[in-house]
């Protein structure tokens, strides 16, 4: 199963929350709650097959907007947290513990100025 998620989500009419740990640790809890809710809504509204995984391997392919250097795990940590909670809510996995989610991978990819995103690949393990 493959789909894309954004690198930032809207939190108000004119503001976006960039999904990375640097922003996460410095942002007010109400903004974080709004960002997570909007990210979850995005995932819940994706047209995905109704498949339930017993054990899941997830691979993240990161397509940044610029050539600027970034810490891969700063991005993936927040996206993974929000995504796993959304997958539980959607019924794709029962829990996001190591019993159900094994060997997450992050792969940096080329710059995509038109459509910065993270392509997520879910596979049975």
Protein backbone atom coordinates (compact mmCIF):
# COMPACT_ATOMS: atom_id res chain seq x y z
CA UNK A 1 0.00 0.00 0.00
CA UNK A 2 1.45 3.37 -1.02
CA UNK A 3 0.30 6.93 -0.48
CA UNK A 4 1.70 10.43 0.06
CA UNK A 5 1.51 12.73 3.08
CA UNK A 6 2.46 16.42 3.21
CA UNK A 7 5.54 17.90 4.85
CA UNK A 8 3.37 20.60 6.41
CA UNK A 9 -0.26 20.95 7.49
CA UNK A 10 -2.52 23.95 7.82
CA UNK A 11 -3.24 25.07 11.40
CA UNK A 12 -5.13 28.30 10.71
CA UNK A 13 -6.28 30.42 7.82
CA UNK A 14 -2.80 31.75 7.05
CA UNK A 15 -0.43 29.45 8.97
CA UNK A 16 1.07 26.04 8.38
CA UNK A 17 2.91 23.72 10.76
CA UNK A 18 6.07 22.21 9.28
CA UNK A 19 6.28 18.58 10.39
CA UNK A 20 9.66 18.27 12.10
CA UNK A 21 10.93 17.86 15.64
CA UNK A 22 12.43 21.36 15.83
CA UNK A 23 9.00 22.91 15.31
CA UNK A 24 7.26 20.28 17.44
CA UNK A 25 9.28 20.98 20.58
CA UNK A 26 8.86 24.77 20.30
CA UNK A 27 5.17 24.96 19.41
CA UNK A 28 2.24 25.60 21.73
CA UNK A 29 0.20 22.50 22.58
CA UNK A 30 -2.97 23.90 20.99
CA UNK A 31 -1.20 24.37 17.65
CA UNK A 32 0.22 20.85 17.91
CA UNK A 33 -3.23 19.48 18.59
CA UNK A 34 -4.62 21.27 15.55
CA UNK A 35 -1.72 20.06 13.37
CA UNK A 36 -2.20 16.45 14.46
CA UNK A 37 -5.97 16.64 13.96
CA UNK A 38 -5.55 18.08 10.45
CA UNK A 39 -2.88 15.49 9.56
CA UNK A 40 -5.14 12.70 10.85
CA UNK A 41 -8.07 14.05 8.83
CA UNK A 42 -5.84 14.07 5.75
CA UNK A 43 -4.92 10.40 6.26
CA UNK A 44 -8.50 9.37 7.07
CA UNK A 45 -9.72 10.98 3.84
CA UNK A 46 -7.21 9.17 1.62
CA UNK A 47 -8.67 6.60 -0.74
CA UNK A 48 -6.88 3.54 0.65
CA UNK A 49 -7.88 -0.12 0.41
CA UNK A 50 -9.49 -1.60 3.51
CA UNK A 51 -6.58 -3.78 4.59
CA UNK A 52 -5.55 -4.63 8.12
CA UNK A 53 -1.92 -5.48 8.85
CA UNK A 54 -0.86 -7.91 11.58
CA UNK A 55 2.76 -6.73 11.37
CA UNK A 56 3.74 -3.68 9.40
CA UNK A 57 6.94 -2.42 7.83
CA UNK A 58 6.80 1.25 6.90
CA UNK A 59 9.16 3.05 4.52
CA UNK A 60 9.23 6.83 4.19
CA UNK A 61 10.54 8.41 0.95
CA UNK A 62 11.21 12.11 1.63
CA UNK A 63 10.96 14.59 -1.26
CA UNK A 64 12.00 17.99 0.17
CA UNK A 65 11.19 21.36 -1.43
CA UNK A 66 14.80 22.61 -1.43
CA UNK A 67 18.40 21.41 -1.45
CA UNK A 68 18.79 22.64 2.11
CA UNK A 69 20.30 20.07 4.45
CA UNK A 70 17.93 18.49 6.96
CA UNK A 71 18.02 15.86 9.67
CA UNK A 72 15.99 12.93 8.37
CA UNK A 73 14.85 11.74 11.78
CA UNK A 74 13.66 15.24 12.79
CA UNK A 75 11.15 15.01 9.97
CA UNK A 76 10.29 11.32 10.27
CA UNK A 77 9.80 11.33 14.04
CA UNK A 78 6.81 13.69 13.92
CA UNK A 79 5.34 12.27 10.70
CA UNK A 80 5.68 8.73 12.08
CA UNK A 81 3.98 9.68 15.35
CA UNK A 82 1.07 11.39 13.62
CA UNK A 83 0.77 8.72 10.93
CA UNK A 84 0.79 5.71 13.26
CA UNK A 85 -1.96 7.27 15.39
CA UNK A 86 -3.99 7.94 12.22
CA UNK A 87 -3.50 4.34 11.01
CA UNK A 88 -4.74 3.05 14.38
CA UNK A 89 -7.78 5.32 14.14
CA UNK A 90 -8.42 4.10 10.59
CA UNK A 91 -8.17 0.44 11.70
CA UNK A 92 -5.15 -0.49 9.58
CA UNK A 93 -3.12 -1.56 12.63
CA UNK A 94 -4.13 -2.39 16.21
CA UNK A 95 -1.28 -0.56 17.94
CA UNK A 96 1.94 1.25 17.06
CA UNK A 97 4.15 -0.78 19.39
CA UNK A 98 7.08 -2.91 18.20
CA UNK A 99 4.74 -5.92 18.22
CA UNK A 100 2.91 -4.46 15.20
CA UNK A 101 5.33 -2.00 13.56
CA UNK A 102 8.80 -3.31 12.73
CA UNK A 103 11.84 -1.84 10.99
CA UNK A 104 10.67 1.65 9.93
CA UNK A 105 12.93 3.06 7.19
CA UNK A 106 13.58 6.59 5.94
CA UNK A 107 14.92 7.21 2.44
CA UNK A 108 16.00 10.70 1.32
CA UNK A 109 15.02 11.37 -2.31
CA UNK A 110 15.55 14.11 -4.87
CA UNK A 111 14.17 17.62 -4.47
CA UNK A 112 10.60 18.18 -5.70
CA UNK A 113 9.92 21.93 -5.66
CA UNK A 114 6.43 21.49 -7.10
CA UNK A 115 5.21 18.81 -4.70
CA UNK A 116 7.30 18.39 -1.52
CA UNK A 117 5.98 15.33 0.30
CA UNK A 118 6.68 12.03 1.97
CA UNK A 119 5.68 8.92 0.07
CA UNK A 120 4.73 6.20 2.54
CA UNK A 121 4.95 2.52 1.72
CA UNK A 122 3.23 0.03 4.01
CA UNK A 123 4.08 -3.65 3.64
CA UNK A 124 3.24 -6.81 5.55
CA UNK A 125 6.24 -8.04 7.51
